[in-house]
Amino acid sequence: MNHLIATLHTLGVRIQDNVDDAHATLRKNREEGSVTIEQVLWAIAVIAFVGIVVAAITTYVTNKAKNIK
């Protein structure tokens, strides 16, 4: 009887360990996705900022070029 109890206890501990590993993997994957999304959003913000700066410089240069005689 003690052998059966020990076997069931060992089985329960191993199953719990596997479940804990699965939860850790899911949390890790969720955090990795967050970093990726953050990087994409920063990249979009930088591209938009550069686009605004290029448009402003282009407009300024075009207006000054029209004044050249």
Protein backbone atom coordinates (compact mmCIF):
# COMPACT_ATOMS: atom_id res chain seq x y z
CA MET A 1 0.00 0.00 0.00
CA ASN A 2 2.81 2.42 0.83
CA HIS A 3 4.36 1.69 -2.56
CA LEU A 4 1.13 2.73 -4.29
CA ILE A 5 0.88 5.94 -2.26
CA ALA A 6 4.51 6.82 -3.01
CA THR A 7 3.99 6.13 -6.72
CA LEU A 8 0.87 8.31 -6.87
CA HIS A 9 2.60 11.08 -4.94
CA THR A 10 5.58 10.98 -7.34
CA LEU A 11 3.22 11.05 -10.31
CA GLY A 12 1.40 14.07 -8.89
CA VAL A 13 4.66 15.93 -8.28
CA ARG A 14 5.85 15.25 -11.82
CA ILE A 15 2.55 16.40 -13.32
CA GLN A 16 2.65 19.58 -11.23
CA ASP A 17 6.22 20.22 -12.41
CA ASN A 18 5.15 19.85 -16.05
CA VAL A 19 2.23 22.23 -15.51
CA ASP A 20 4.54 24.79 -13.89
CA ASP A 21 6.94 24.52 -16.85
CA ALA A 22 4.04 25.04 -19.27
CA HIS A 23 2.88 28.15 -17.40
CA ALA A 24 6.44 29.54 -17.35
CA THR A 25 6.71 28.98 -21.11
CA LEU A 26 3.41 30.75 -21.75
CA ARG A 27 4.43 33.74 -19.61
CA LYS A 28 7.79 33.92 -21.36
CA ASN A 29 6.16 33.84 -24.80
CA ARG A 30 3.67 36.54 -23.81
CA GLU A 31 6.46 38.83 -22.63
CA GLU A 32 8.48 38.27 -25.80
CA GLY A 33 5.47 39.33 -27.85
CA SER A 34 5.12 42.47 -25.78
CA VAL A 35 8.70 43.46 -26.51
CA THR A 36 8.17 42.85 -30.21
CA ILE A 37 5.00 44.94 -30.29
CA GLU A 38 6.76 47.72 -28.39
CA GLN A 39 9.62 47.71 -30.89
CA VAL A 40 7.20 47.86 -33.82
CA LEU A 41 5.34 50.80 -32.29
CA TRP A 42 8.61 52.67 -31.69
CA ALA A 43 9.67 51.98 -35.27
CA ILE A 44 6.37 53.36 -36.58
CA ALA A 45 6.75 56.46 -34.40
CA VAL A 46 10.30 57.08 -35.65
CA ILE A 47 9.26 56.61 -39.29
CA ALA A 48 6.36 59.05 -38.83
CA PHE A 49 8.63 61.62 -37.18
CA VAL A 50 11.20 61.32 -39.97
CA GLY A 51 8.42 61.70 -42.55
CA ILE A 52 7.20 64.91 -40.90
CA VAL A 53 10.74 66.32 -40.76
CA VAL A 54 11.39 65.46 -44.43
CA ALA A 55 8.09 67.05 -45.48
CA ALA A 56 8.89 70.23 -43.52
CA ILE A 57 12.39 70.51 -45.00
CA THR A 58 11.11 69.83 -48.51
CA THR A 59 8.44 72.51 -48.16
CA TYR A 60 10.96 75.03 -46.80
CA VAL A 61 13.49 74.35 -49.57
CA THR A 62 10.80 74.49 -52.27
CA ASN A 63 9.54 77.85 -51.00
CA LYS A 64 13.05 79.28 -50.85
CA ALA A 65 13.80 77.96 -54.35
CA LYS A 66 10.78 79.85 -55.71
CA ASN A 67 12.26 83.10 -54.33
CA ILE A 68 15.52 82.68 -56.26
CA LYS A 69 15.66 84.98 -59.30
